[in-house]
Amino acid sequence: MSTAEFAVTFKEAGRSVIATRRPWREFLDPSALSLPSSLSDATTRISHNLTRFLSNYCLVVLLLIFLGLIYHPFSMIVFLLVFVAWFFLYFSRDDPIRVFGFELDDLVLIIILGLSTGLALALTGVFVNVLISLAIGAVVVCLHAALRSTEDLVGDMQDPFGDALLESPRG
């Protein structure tokens, strides 16, 4: 892949991430926060908000991991390299990866990247820091998703049955 193709791929992948990210003003709107009425309501909110704000939540978790590595500059560089490897080898490619004439399956690639990530974390000695950052990120994401009401999202959500119910004689 030439440098120009690489830059185009990076730009397109960046645009797709930006396109799925919701505005931070909508994501952080304090007027949309309220306590759920029940456990069922909380799980419904979590499900809807995770679907709608997935890119935002991923960026929040990545920021928390980054902050967890702030006192480990070498580990931060390794983390950024591993992140770039995941981004280009798994998330932003359209064509299958070929190594020595063999096509790598996505599952094999995930296993290789996962093992590489674990090895990089183990060798740099920050596995516990990243694990704690991930746990804090999961708590923050679940807390936000449970507290953010979904009433303002009703118009944005699509009916899972499409127009099939409207065309039914019973309605």
Protein backbone atom coordinates (compact mmCIF):
# COMPACT_ATOMS: atom_id res chain seq x y z
CA MET A 1 0.00 0.00 0.00
CA SER A 2 1.41 3.37 -1.00
CA THR A 3 1.58 6.35 1.31
CA ALA A 4 -1.24 8.06 -0.55
CA GLU A 5 -3.52 5.00 -0.26
CA PHE A 6 -2.60 4.71 3.42
CA ALA A 7 -3.55 8.36 4.02
CA VAL A 8 -6.85 7.94 2.15
CA THR A 9 -7.69 4.81 4.17
CA PHE A 10 -6.86 6.62 7.41
CA LYS A 11 -8.98 9.61 6.43
CA GLU A 12 -11.98 7.45 5.43
CA ALA A 13 -11.77 5.42 8.63
CA GLY A 14 -11.54 8.60 10.69
CA ARG A 15 -14.56 10.04 8.90
CA SER A 16 -16.62 6.90 9.56
CA VAL A 17 -15.78 7.06 13.27
CA ILE A 18 -16.65 10.75 13.37
CA ALA A 19 -19.88 10.10 11.46
CA THR A 20 -21.13 7.56 14.03
CA ARG A 21 -20.11 9.69 16.99
CA ARG A 22 -22.94 11.73 18.42
CA PRO A 23 -22.42 15.39 19.37
CA TRP A 24 -20.85 15.79 22.79
CA ARG A 25 -23.49 18.37 23.68
CA GLU A 26 -26.18 15.72 23.23
CA PHE A 27 -24.08 13.07 25.00
CA LEU A 28 -23.33 15.28 28.04
CA ASP A 29 -26.71 17.05 28.27
CA PRO A 30 -27.40 17.38 32.03
CA SER A 31 -31.13 17.87 31.46
CA ALA A 32 -31.35 14.34 30.01
CA LEU A 33 -30.12 12.75 33.26
CA SER A 34 -32.66 11.19 35.61
CA LEU A 35 -32.96 8.16 37.83
CA PRO A 36 -34.49 5.10 36.19
CA SER A 37 -37.82 4.02 37.66
CA SER A 38 -36.89 0.33 37.84
CA LEU A 39 -34.17 -2.17 37.03
CA SER A 40 -35.97 -2.96 33.78
CA ASP A 41 -35.96 0.73 32.85
CA ALA A 42 -32.24 0.94 33.66
CA THR A 43 -31.38 -2.02 31.44
CA THR A 44 -33.52 -0.62 28.62
CA ARG A 45 -31.76 2.73 28.94
CA ILE A 46 -28.35 1.04 28.94
CA SER A 47 -29.24 -0.91 25.81
CA HIS A 48 -30.53 2.13 23.91
CA ASN A 49 -27.75 4.46 25.02
CA LEU A 50 -25.00 1.95 24.26
CA THR A 51 -26.39 1.57 20.77
CA ARG A 52 -26.75 5.29 20.19
CA PHE A 53 -23.55 6.54 21.84
CA LEU A 54 -21.19 3.61 21.22
CA SER A 55 -18.47 5.73 19.58
CA ASN A 56 -18.66 8.30 22.38
CA TYR A 57 -18.37 5.59 25.02
CA CYS A 58 -15.38 4.04 23.23
CA LEU A 59 -13.64 7.41 23.19
CA VAL A 60 -14.36 7.90 26.91
CA VAL A 61 -12.89 4.47 27.74
CA LEU A 62 -9.83 5.13 25.56
CA LEU A 63 -9.34 8.46 27.34
CA LEU A 64 -9.51 6.72 30.72
CA ILE A 65 -6.94 4.13 29.61
CA PHE A 66 -4.74 6.94 28.32
CA LEU A 67 -5.01 8.75 31.66
CA GLY A 68 -4.20 5.50 33.47
CA LEU A 69 -0.93 5.34 31.53
CA ILE A 70 0.03 8.99 31.97
CA TYR A 71 2.87 8.15 34.38
CA HIS A 72 4.17 5.40 32.09
CA PRO A 73 5.30 7.16 28.89
CA PHE A 74 6.89 4.05 27.31
CA SER A 75 3.73 2.05 27.97
CA MET A 76 1.66 4.87 26.51
CA ILE A 77 3.67 4.72 23.28
CA VAL A 78 3.25 0.93 23.15
CA PHE A 79 -0.50 1.35 23.80
CA LEU A 80 -0.78 3.85 20.95
CA LEU A 81 1.09 1.48 18.61
CA VAL A 82 -1.19 -1.41 19.56
CA PHE A 83 -4.22 0.84 19.08
CA VAL A 84 -2.99 1.83 15.61
CA ALA A 85 -2.43 -1.86 14.77
CA TRP A 86 -6.01 -2.72 15.78
CA PHE A 87 -7.35 0.28 13.90
CA PHE A 88 -5.60 -0.46 10.61
CA LEU A 89 -5.47 -4.25 10.64
CA TYR A 90 -8.98 -4.90 11.88
CA PHE A 91 -11.34 -1.92 11.93
CA SER A 92 -10.47 0.11 8.84
CA ARG A 93 -9.77 -2.56 6.23
CA ASP A 94 -12.19 -3.82 3.62
CA ASP A 95 -10.10 -6.51 1.95
CA PRO A 96 -8.93 -9.68 3.70
CA ILE A 97 -5.33 -9.79 4.89
CA ARG A 98 -3.03 -12.16 3.03
CA VAL A 99 0.17 -13.52 4.59
CA PHE A 100 2.44 -15.73 2.42
CA GLY A 101 -0.46 -16.38 0.06
CA PHE A 102 -2.87 -17.43 2.82
CA GLU A 103 -5.94 -15.42 3.70
CA LEU A 104 -6.26 -14.63 7.41
CA ASP A 105 -9.71 -15.16 8.87
CA ASP A 106 -11.09 -12.38 11.11
CA LEU A 107 -11.09 -14.70 14.12
CA VAL A 108 -7.42 -15.56 13.61
CA LEU A 109 -6.62 -11.86 13.26
CA ILE A 110 -8.50 -11.05 16.47
CA ILE A 111 -6.60 -13.79 18.32
CA ILE A 112 -3.25 -12.53 16.99
CA LEU A 113 -4.05 -8.90 17.85
CA GLY A 114 -5.44 -9.88 21.26
CA LEU A 115 -2.35 -11.91 22.12
CA SER A 116 -0.12 -9.08 20.88
CA THR A 117 -2.02 -6.61 23.04
CA GLY A 118 -1.75 -8.86 26.10
CA LEU A 119 1.95 -9.45 25.48
CA ALA A 120 2.60 -5.71 25.06
CA LEU A 121 0.77 -4.97 28.29
CA ALA A 122 2.56 -7.74 30.17
CA LEU A 123 6.01 -6.71 28.93
CA THR A 124 5.51 -3.06 29.82
CA GLY A 125 4.18 -3.93 33.29
CA VAL A 126 0.97 -1.91 33.08
CA PHE A 127 -1.54 -4.74 32.78
CA VAL A 128 -3.05 -3.89 36.17
CA ASN A 129 -3.27 -0.18 35.28
CA VAL A 130 -5.12 -0.94 32.05
CA LEU A 131 -7.38 -3.45 33.78
CA ILE A 132 -8.30 -0.90 36.45
CA SER A 133 -8.86 1.77 33.77
CA LEU A 134 -11.14 -0.61 31.85
CA ALA A 135 -13.10 -1.39 35.02
CA ILE A 136 -13.51 2.31 35.80
CA GLY A 137 -14.52 2.91 32.18
CA ALA A 138 -17.14 0.15 32.34
CA VAL A 139 -18.60 1.64 35.53
CA VAL A 140 -18.66 5.17 34.06
CA VAL A 141 -20.26 3.96 30.82
CA CYS A 142 -22.93 1.87 32.58
CA LEU A 143 -23.67 4.65 35.05
CA HIS A 144 -24.05 7.26 32.31
CA ALA A 145 -26.10 4.92 30.11
CA ALA A 146 -28.44 4.06 33.00
CA LEU A 147 -28.89 7.67 34.12
CA ARG A 148 -29.39 9.20 30.67
CA SER A 149 -33.07 9.06 29.79
CA THR A 150 -34.10 7.95 26.34
CA GLU A 151 -37.28 10.00 25.92
CA ASP A 152 -35.49 12.51 23.68
CA LEU A 153 -34.17 9.65 21.51
CA VAL A 154 -37.59 8.20 20.60
CA GLY A 155 -37.85 10.16 17.36
CA ASP A 156 -34.37 9.04 16.30
CA MET A 157 -34.95 5.34 16.83
CA GLN A 158 -36.36 3.25 14.02
CA ASP A 159 -39.15 0.76 14.40
CA PRO A 160 -37.56 -2.73 14.25
CA PHE A 161 -40.52 -3.94 12.18
CA GLY A 162 -40.29 -1.12 9.64
CA ASP A 163 -43.51 -0.38 7.83
CA ALA A 164 -44.79 -3.96 8.16
CA LEU A 165 -47.18 -3.04 10.98
CA LEU A 166 -48.60 -0.13 9.02
CA GLU A 167 -49.36 -2.36 6.05
CA SER A 168 -51.07 -4.98 8.19
CA PRO A 169 -54.88 -5.04 7.98
CA ARG A 170 -54.98 -5.05 11.79
CA GLY A 171 -52.52 -2.12 12.13
